[in-house]
């Protein structure tokens, strides 16, 4: 439970630091720094509400992708094992 609380606090602090960095740039043109608050907002909201919808979406798709890749590798090595058993005379 404490690990979850620490994770949420760190998300809020990290998102806030992105906004502070953008504000510290000064009067110069922001350029690439202008995207930092756009990245920070979902991070802060996920820390406040305790839900991470982006992480949940990517976790499901990554688990499905890992399963497919491991099945493909298993098939690949099983086929390779059969071809290596051929004897050369």
Protein backbone atom coordinates (compact mmCIF):
# COMPACT_ATOMS: atom_id res chain seq x y z
CA UNK A 1 0.00 0.00 0.00
CA UNK A 2 2.82 2.40 0.83
CA UNK A 3 4.48 1.67 -2.51
CA UNK A 4 1.31 2.75 -4.32
CA UNK A 5 1.19 6.02 -2.37
CA UNK A 6 4.84 6.74 -3.09
CA UNK A 7 4.24 6.03 -6.79
CA UNK A 8 1.32 8.47 -6.90
CA UNK A 9 3.29 11.19 -5.09
CA UNK A 10 6.23 10.74 -7.48
CA UNK A 11 3.91 11.06 -10.50
CA UNK A 12 2.50 14.34 -9.18
CA UNK A 13 5.99 15.69 -8.41
CA UNK A 14 7.36 14.66 -11.80
CA UNK A 15 4.45 16.23 -13.67
CA UNK A 16 4.77 19.40 -11.62
CA UNK A 17 8.48 19.57 -12.36
CA UNK A 18 7.75 19.43 -16.09
CA UNK A 19 5.48 22.45 -15.74
CA UNK A 20 8.06 24.30 -13.61
CA UNK A 21 10.75 23.66 -16.24
CA UNK A 22 8.48 25.16 -18.89
CA UNK A 23 7.84 28.22 -16.74
CA UNK A 24 11.56 28.65 -16.01
CA UNK A 25 12.42 29.03 -19.70
CA UNK A 26 11.58 32.72 -19.50
CA UNK A 27 10.60 35.06 -22.27
CA UNK A 28 12.47 33.18 -24.98
CA UNK A 29 10.44 31.20 -27.52
CA UNK A 30 9.42 27.92 -25.95
CA UNK A 31 9.97 25.64 -28.92
CA UNK A 32 10.05 22.03 -27.76
CA UNK A 33 9.43 23.02 -24.16
CA UNK A 34 5.82 23.84 -25.03
CA UNK A 35 4.95 20.14 -25.17
CA UNK A 36 6.08 19.45 -21.60
CA UNK A 37 2.84 20.67 -19.94
CA UNK A 38 0.86 18.52 -22.35
CA UNK A 39 2.82 15.53 -21.15
CA UNK A 40 2.57 16.64 -17.51
CA UNK A 41 -1.22 16.94 -17.29
CA UNK A 42 -2.07 13.22 -17.67
CA UNK A 43 0.81 12.29 -15.36
CA UNK A 44 -0.45 14.64 -12.63
CA UNK A 45 -4.06 13.49 -13.04
CA UNK A 46 -3.05 9.83 -12.83
CA UNK A 47 -1.17 10.62 -9.62
CA UNK A 48 -4.12 12.47 -8.10
CA UNK A 49 -6.82 9.97 -9.01
CA UNK A 50 -4.70 6.83 -8.70
CA UNK A 51 -5.65 5.44 -12.08
CA UNK A 52 -3.36 5.20 -15.07
CA UNK A 53 -5.51 4.55 -18.16
CA UNK A 54 -2.59 4.95 -20.58
CA UNK A 55 -0.52 2.45 -18.60
CA UNK A 56 -3.41 -0.01 -18.45
CA UNK A 57 -3.96 0.21 -22.21
CA UNK A 58 -0.31 -0.29 -23.04
CA UNK A 59 0.08 -3.08 -20.48
CA UNK A 60 -2.68 -5.15 -22.07
CA UNK A 61 -1.37 -4.68 -25.58
CA UNK A 62 2.23 -5.34 -24.52
CA UNK A 63 1.24 -8.55 -22.73
CA UNK A 64 -0.58 -9.73 -25.85
CA UNK A 65 2.42 -8.83 -27.99
CA UNK A 66 4.81 -10.66 -25.62
CA UNK A 67 2.61 -13.75 -25.81
CA UNK A 68 2.57 -13.71 -29.60
CA UNK A 69 6.33 -13.21 -29.84
CA UNK A 70 7.07 -16.01 -27.38
CA UNK A 71 4.78 -18.38 -29.29
CA UNK A 72 6.48 -17.44 -32.57
CA UNK A 73 9.95 -17.99 -31.08
CA UNK A 74 8.87 -21.36 -29.67
CA UNK A 75 7.63 -22.45 -33.10
CA UNK A 76 10.79 -21.16 -34.74
CA UNK A 77 13.10 -23.09 -32.43
CA UNK A 78 11.04 -26.27 -32.64
CA UNK A 79 11.32 -26.17 -36.42
CA UNK A 80 15.03 -25.40 -36.14
CA UNK A 81 15.54 -28.33 -33.77
CA UNK A 82 13.97 -30.71 -36.29
CA UNK A 83 16.22 -29.55 -39.15
CA UNK A 84 19.38 -29.86 -37.07
CA UNK A 85 18.72 -33.55 -36.44
CA UNK A 86 19.32 -34.44 -40.11
CA UNK A 87 22.41 -36.65 -40.47
CA UNK A 88 24.93 -35.97 -43.15
CA UNK A 89 26.62 -39.00 -44.71
